[in-house]
Amino acid sequence: MKNLISSSIILALIITGTACSGSSDTGLADVPEGAQAVSLLGEPLYKPELPDEVYTTYTENFEEALTGYRTDPENAESIIWLGRRTAYLGEYREAVKIFTEGVFKHPEDPRFYRHRGHRYITLRQFDEAIQDLERAAELMRSGPDMVEPDGLPNALNKPVSTLKSNVWYHLGLAYYLKGEYRNAADAYENAFELDLTDDMRIATLYWYYSALKRMGMDEEAGIAVAGVNPDIELIENDVYLNLILVFDGIFDADHLMETADDAVQNAALAYGLGNWHYMNGRRARAFEIWNNILELPNWAAFGYIAAESELVRER
């Protein structure tokens, strides 16, 4: 029932001309009817079902964003929030269309390329993501950085990232998922030039370390995480911190096995543990863990997508 309700909301959005009223050039790949995307392994991916309480909150937020858009459909903030709220309901393809409208109406605003690039990653369209995020990087270079408000606030309701840090982070991730580790490392190095919060620094450092290890740059990887210790206080990226401490030999992997039930965090943890086994020559164990990730429900999680990338490269 929840999926039907969400679909009816999006249908109303389309009928009223809200979604992508400015341009039809979305770059979306063809998918089976009803699917949001096709996995890297060729499986159709359908909109995930949300818990009742979460779904209710997300729907209320979406309806508020839709009202804001209808009040002022030219306003960049209104378009951005409508796209973000649409994506949180699992309607990633419609979100891409909305961000495409933003690109059409505000072609010099890097935020639309940043958010559309993120959702292209969700949809496994890495080339399109890279193109968008590279464009965002070009547009934002000469402007000031800005705190990016959270659509899904953390426990302290304190944003931990900025526009520029998110562009470099997601660009590095898109390259990493393609196996282009040098390009990924370059993107992360650009991020390190910013004034990062500890949360964003640790998350970026986790993927940077992984990219360096995949290039055989073990010494450089070790130097990169040399200053990381258990005393760093984070708001939301503890999983990445703990994984780095495992990589660096400070934590035992068993320390991480007790974790929250959050599917995104579990996917990040499981991919990271598989990554640790892989980097230490235990390939069979790594691929066993990565295969198990595909049983988790949240296919939009970066850890899930990364596991798919590993499996498809191995095949």
Protein backbone atom coordinates (compact mmCIF):
# COMPACT_ATOMS: atom_id res chain seq x y z
CA MET A 1 0.00 0.00 0.00
CA LYS A 2 2.82 2.40 0.85
CA ASN A 3 4.39 2.00 -2.59
CA LEU A 4 1.04 2.68 -4.24
CA ILE A 5 0.52 5.80 -2.19
CA SER A 6 3.99 7.08 -3.03
CA SER A 7 3.47 6.32 -6.72
CA SER A 8 0.19 8.23 -6.72
CA ILE A 9 1.95 11.26 -5.26
CA ILE A 10 4.60 11.15 -7.96
CA LEU A 11 1.97 10.61 -10.62
CA ALA A 12 0.17 13.73 -9.44
CA LEU A 13 3.49 15.54 -9.59
CA ILE A 14 3.98 14.49 -13.21
CA ILE A 15 0.42 15.26 -14.28
CA THR A 16 0.67 18.80 -12.96
CA GLY A 17 3.85 19.27 -14.93
CA THR A 18 6.08 19.59 -11.89
CA ALA A 19 8.60 16.87 -12.66
CA CYS A 20 11.06 17.98 -15.31
CA SER A 21 8.85 20.63 -16.86
CA GLY A 22 11.86 22.39 -18.34
CA SER A 23 13.71 19.62 -20.16
CA SER A 24 13.28 15.97 -21.09
CA ASP A 25 17.01 15.33 -21.50
CA THR A 26 17.54 13.38 -18.28
CA GLY A 27 20.04 10.78 -19.50
CA LEU A 28 18.15 8.05 -17.64
CA ALA A 29 18.85 4.49 -18.75
CA ASP A 30 16.02 2.23 -19.82
CA VAL A 31 14.79 -0.15 -17.10
CA PRO A 32 12.11 -2.85 -16.82
CA GLU A 33 8.61 -1.56 -16.12
CA GLY A 34 8.22 -0.51 -12.50
CA ALA A 35 11.94 -0.65 -11.72
CA GLN A 36 14.07 2.25 -10.59
CA ALA A 37 17.34 0.86 -11.90
CA VAL A 38 19.18 -2.27 -12.98
CA SER A 39 21.95 -3.54 -10.74
CA LEU A 40 25.49 -3.91 -12.06
CA LEU A 41 24.78 -7.64 -12.04
CA GLY A 42 21.73 -7.23 -14.29
CA GLU A 43 18.96 -7.48 -11.67
CA PRO A 44 16.04 -5.01 -11.70
CA LEU A 45 15.92 -2.83 -8.61
CA TYR A 46 12.55 -1.69 -7.33
CA LYS A 47 11.64 1.09 -4.96
CA PRO A 48 12.49 -0.02 -1.41
CA GLU A 49 9.67 -0.23 1.11
CA LEU A 50 10.11 2.10 4.05
CA PRO A 51 9.07 1.46 7.66
CA ASP A 52 5.67 3.01 8.44
CA GLU A 53 6.97 5.79 10.68
CA VAL A 54 9.76 6.72 8.27
CA TYR A 55 7.41 6.64 5.31
CA THR A 56 4.92 8.93 7.03
CA THR A 57 7.62 11.48 7.87
CA TYR A 58 9.13 11.37 4.39
CA THR A 59 5.71 11.79 2.78
CA GLU A 60 4.89 14.81 4.93
CA ASN A 61 8.25 16.35 4.04
CA PHE A 62 7.64 15.63 0.37
CA GLU A 63 4.22 17.25 0.42
CA GLU A 64 5.72 20.33 2.09
CA ALA A 65 8.41 20.49 -0.61
CA LEU A 66 5.80 20.07 -3.34
CA THR A 67 3.79 22.94 -1.90
CA GLY A 68 6.91 25.09 -1.82
CA TYR A 69 7.63 24.28 -5.45
CA ARG A 70 4.11 25.06 -6.59
CA THR A 71 4.29 28.38 -4.76
CA ASP A 72 7.49 29.36 -6.57
CA PRO A 73 8.51 26.88 -9.30
CA GLU A 74 11.43 29.04 -10.44
CA ASN A 75 13.09 29.13 -7.04
CA ALA A 76 16.29 27.05 -6.91
CA GLU A 77 15.82 26.02 -3.28
CA SER A 78 12.28 24.82 -3.98
CA ILE A 79 13.45 22.64 -6.86
CA ILE A 80 16.36 21.20 -4.88
CA TRP A 81 14.20 20.25 -1.91
CA LEU A 82 11.53 18.74 -4.10
CA GLY A 83 14.19 16.58 -5.77
CA ARG A 84 15.76 15.54 -2.50
CA ARG A 85 12.44 14.72 -0.83
CA THR A 86 11.37 12.73 -3.88
CA ALA A 87 14.56 10.67 -3.72
CA TYR A 88 14.05 9.91 -0.02
CA LEU A 89 10.78 8.21 -0.97
CA GLY A 90 12.74 5.92 -3.29
CA GLU A 91 11.63 7.68 -6.48
CA TYR A 92 15.17 8.17 -7.72
CA ARG A 93 14.29 8.45 -11.39
CA GLU A 94 11.76 11.20 -10.71
CA ALA A 95 14.38 12.96 -8.58
CA VAL A 96 16.77 12.96 -11.53
CA LYS A 97 14.04 14.54 -13.67
CA ILE A 98 13.45 17.24 -11.07
CA PHE A 99 17.16 18.05 -10.80
CA THR A 100 17.26 18.15 -14.59
CA GLU A 101 14.59 20.84 -14.44
CA GLY A 102 16.88 22.69 -12.05
CA VAL A 103 19.77 22.40 -14.50
CA PHE A 104 17.50 23.80 -17.23
CA LYS A 105 16.33 26.73 -15.11
CA HIS A 106 19.60 27.43 -13.28
CA PRO A 107 22.43 26.14 -15.52
CA GLU A 108 25.16 27.91 -13.54
CA ASP A 109 24.10 26.56 -10.13
CA PRO A 110 26.44 23.66 -9.22
CA ARG A 111 23.99 22.25 -6.69
CA PHE A 112 21.76 20.72 -9.34
CA TYR A 113 24.68 18.85 -10.92
CA ARG A 114 25.85 17.77 -7.46
CA HIS A 115 22.47 16.30 -6.48
CA ARG A 116 21.73 14.78 -9.88
CA GLY A 117 25.20 13.25 -9.89
CA HIS A 118 24.52 11.66 -6.52
CA ARG A 119 21.32 10.07 -7.81
CA TYR A 120 23.00 8.86 -10.97
CA ILE A 121 25.32 6.94 -8.63
CA THR A 122 22.26 5.46 -6.93
CA LEU A 123 20.96 4.39 -10.34
CA ARG A 124 24.34 2.81 -11.29
CA GLN A 125 24.94 5.37 -14.08
CA PHE A 126 28.50 6.23 -13.13
CA ASP A 127 29.52 7.97 -16.34
CA GLU A 128 26.58 10.36 -16.10
CA ALA A 129 27.40 10.93 -12.42
CA ILE A 130 31.00 11.78 -13.23
CA GLN A 131 29.96 14.18 -15.98
CA ASP A 132 27.59 16.00 -13.63
CA LEU A 133 29.98 16.12 -10.69
CA GLU A 134 32.87 17.32 -12.86
CA ARG A 135 30.57 20.09 -14.10
CA ALA A 136 29.64 20.95 -10.52
CA ALA A 137 33.34 21.15 -9.66
CA GLU A 138 33.93 23.59 -12.53
CA LEU A 139 31.04 25.82 -11.51
CA MET A 140 31.91 25.93 -7.81
CA ARG A 141 35.66 26.58 -8.08
CA SER A 142 35.52 30.37 -8.00
CA GLY A 143 32.66 30.66 -5.51
CA PRO A 144 32.59 30.34 -1.73
CA ASP A 145 31.80 27.05 -0.09
CA MET A 146 28.49 26.66 1.73
CA VAL A 147 27.16 24.34 4.39
CA GLU A 148 24.75 21.86 2.86
CA PRO A 149 21.64 21.40 5.01
CA ASP A 150 20.74 17.81 5.79
CA GLY A 151 17.57 16.38 4.36
CA LEU A 152 17.84 13.59 6.92
CA PRO A 153 19.24 15.37 10.02
CA ASN A 154 21.60 13.54 12.36
CA ALA A 155 21.01 13.17 16.09
CA LEU A 156 22.42 16.64 16.81
CA ASN A 157 20.68 18.24 13.81
CA LYS A 158 24.10 19.57 12.80
CA PRO A 159 25.16 19.38 9.13
CA VAL A 160 28.60 17.84 8.67
CA SER A 161 29.26 18.59 5.00
CA THR A 162 29.38 21.39 2.46
CA LEU A 163 28.61 21.75 -1.21
CA LYS A 164 32.26 21.47 -2.26
CA SER A 165 33.09 18.58 0.06
CA ASN A 166 30.07 16.66 -1.21
CA VAL A 167 30.97 17.25 -4.85
CA TRP A 168 34.52 15.92 -4.40
CA TYR A 169 33.32 13.07 -2.16
CA HIS A 170 30.72 11.83 -4.62
CA LEU A 171 32.99 12.34 -7.62
CA GLY A 172 35.67 10.26 -5.93
CA LEU A 173 33.10 7.60 -5.14
CA ALA A 174 31.85 7.45 -8.74
CA TYR A 175 35.40 6.93 -9.99
CA TYR A 176 36.08 4.36 -7.26
CA LEU A 177 32.99 2.38 -8.22
CA LYS A 178 34.24 2.30 -11.81
CA GLY A 179 37.63 1.02 -10.66
CA GLU A 180 39.37 4.25 -11.71
CA TYR A 181 41.31 4.58 -8.49
CA ARG A 182 43.76 7.28 -9.53
CA ASN A 183 40.94 9.60 -10.50
CA ALA A 184 39.16 8.74 -7.26
CA ALA A 185 42.23 9.59 -5.19
CA ASP A 186 42.64 12.90 -7.05
CA ALA A 187 39.06 13.87 -6.19
CA TYR A 188 39.57 13.02 -2.53
CA GLU A 189 42.80 15.01 -2.43
CA ASN A 190 40.84 18.02 -3.65
CA ALA A 191 38.42 17.48 -0.77
CA PHE A 192 41.27 17.47 1.75
CA GLU A 193 42.14 21.02 0.69
CA LEU A 194 38.83 22.18 2.20
CA ASP A 195 38.07 22.93 5.83
CA LEU A 196 36.38 19.59 6.48
CA THR A 197 34.49 18.60 9.57
CA ASP A 198 35.86 15.51 11.31
CA ASP A 199 32.89 13.51 10.05
CA MET A 200 33.51 14.45 6.42
CA ARG A 201 37.27 14.05 6.75
CA ILE A 202 36.93 10.50 8.09
CA ALA A 203 34.39 9.45 5.46
CA THR A 204 36.59 10.84 2.68
CA LEU A 205 39.71 9.33 4.22
CA TYR A 206 38.10 5.88 4.27
CA TRP A 207 37.53 5.84 0.49
CA TYR A 208 40.86 7.57 -0.17
CA TYR A 209 42.73 4.89 1.77
CA SER A 210 40.86 2.19 -0.13
CA ALA A 211 41.72 3.77 -3.48
CA LEU A 212 45.40 4.03 -2.57
CA LYS A 213 45.52 0.40 -1.48
CA ARG A 214 43.93 -0.71 -4.75
CA MET A 215 46.71 1.12 -6.59
CA GLY A 216 49.34 -0.70 -4.55
CA MET A 217 50.32 2.52 -2.74
CA ASP A 218 50.47 0.85 0.67
CA GLU A 219 52.95 3.27 2.22
CA GLU A 220 50.96 6.31 1.15
CA ALA A 221 47.77 4.71 2.46
CA GLY A 222 49.38 4.06 5.83
CA ILE A 223 50.59 7.65 6.06
CA ALA A 224 47.12 8.94 5.19
CA VAL A 225 45.49 7.28 8.22
CA ALA A 226 48.42 7.65 10.62
CA GLY A 227 46.68 10.35 12.67
CA VAL A 228 43.37 8.54 13.05
CA ASN A 229 42.64 7.35 16.59
CA PRO A 230 39.66 6.07 18.63
CA ASP A 231 39.32 9.41 20.47
CA ILE A 232 37.99 11.29 17.45
CA GLU A 233 34.41 12.29 18.24
CA LEU A 234 32.02 12.02 15.32
CA ILE A 235 28.34 12.69 14.86
CA GLU A 236 27.42 10.18 12.16
CA ASN A 237 30.42 8.46 10.54
CA ASP A 238 31.54 6.11 13.30
CA VAL A 239 31.40 3.13 10.94
CA TYR A 240 34.02 4.67 8.66
CA LEU A 241 36.19 5.60 11.64
CA ASN A 242 36.03 2.08 13.05
CA LEU A 243 36.85 0.56 9.67
CA ILE A 244 39.92 2.78 9.34
CA LEU A 245 41.00 1.65 12.80
CA VAL A 246 40.65 -1.97 11.65
CA PHE A 247 42.67 -1.23 8.51
CA ASP A 248 45.36 0.39 10.65
CA GLY A 249 45.50 -2.54 13.08
CA ILE A 250 44.12 -0.59 16.04
CA PHE A 251 40.75 -2.36 16.23
CA ASP A 252 40.04 -6.05 15.75
CA ALA A 253 37.45 -6.74 13.07
CA ASP A 254 35.27 -8.55 15.64
CA HIS A 255 34.90 -5.19 17.39
CA LEU A 256 32.64 -4.05 14.58
CA MET A 257 30.27 -6.97 14.47
CA GLU A 258 27.87 -5.37 16.97
CA THR A 259 26.20 -2.61 15.02
CA ALA A 260 22.91 -0.77 14.61
CA ASP A 261 20.11 -2.17 12.51
CA ASP A 262 20.38 0.65 9.99
CA ALA A 263 20.64 -0.92 6.52
CA VAL A 264 22.86 1.85 5.15
CA GLN A 265 25.32 1.46 8.00
CA ASN A 266 25.27 -2.32 7.75
CA ALA A 267 26.08 -2.16 4.05
CA ALA A 268 28.95 0.25 4.71
CA LEU A 269 30.27 -1.97 7.49
CA ALA A 270 29.94 -5.19 5.51
CA TYR A 271 31.62 -3.74 2.43
CA GLY A 272 34.43 -2.37 4.59
CA LEU A 273 35.06 -5.69 6.30
CA GLY A 274 35.08 -7.42 2.92
CA ASN A 275 37.49 -4.76 1.74
CA TRP A 276 39.77 -5.44 4.70
CA HIS A 277 39.86 -9.15 3.90
CA TYR A 278 40.49 -8.40 0.22
CA MET A 279 43.36 -6.02 0.96
CA ASN A 280 44.94 -8.70 3.13
CA GLY A 281 44.77 -11.41 0.49
CA ARG A 282 41.67 -13.23 1.76
CA ARG A 283 39.76 -12.94 -1.50
CA ALA A 284 37.35 -15.81 -0.93
CA ARG A 285 36.20 -14.36 2.39
CA ALA A 286 35.88 -10.89 0.85
CA PHE A 287 33.64 -12.10 -1.95
CA GLU A 288 31.58 -14.18 0.47
CA ILE A 289 30.84 -11.03 2.49
CA TRP A 290 30.15 -8.94 -0.60
CA ASN A 291 27.72 -11.54 -1.91
CA ASN A 292 25.90 -11.48 1.43
CA ILE A 293 25.41 -7.71 1.12
CA LEU A 294 23.05 -8.34 -1.77
CA GLU A 295 20.61 -9.84 0.74
CA LEU A 296 20.28 -6.47 2.50
CA PRO A 297 17.23 -4.36 1.61
CA ASN A 298 18.77 -0.97 0.87
CA TRP A 299 20.29 -1.23 -2.60
CA ALA A 300 20.80 2.55 -2.67
CA ALA A 301 23.50 2.37 0.03
CA PHE A 302 27.02 3.10 -1.17
CA GLY A 303 28.35 -0.06 0.48
CA TYR A 304 25.81 -2.11 -1.45
CA ILE A 305 26.76 -0.47 -4.75
CA ALA A 306 30.46 -0.95 -3.98
CA ALA A 307 29.87 -4.66 -3.33
CA GLU A 308 28.12 -4.94 -6.69
CA SER A 309 31.09 -3.25 -8.35
CA GLU A 310 33.51 -5.74 -6.82
CA LEU A 311 31.39 -8.72 -7.84
CA VAL A 312 30.88 -7.61 -11.43
CA ARG A 313 34.60 -6.93 -11.88
CA GLU A 314 35.42 -10.39 -10.53
CA ARG A 315 32.98 -12.00 -12.97
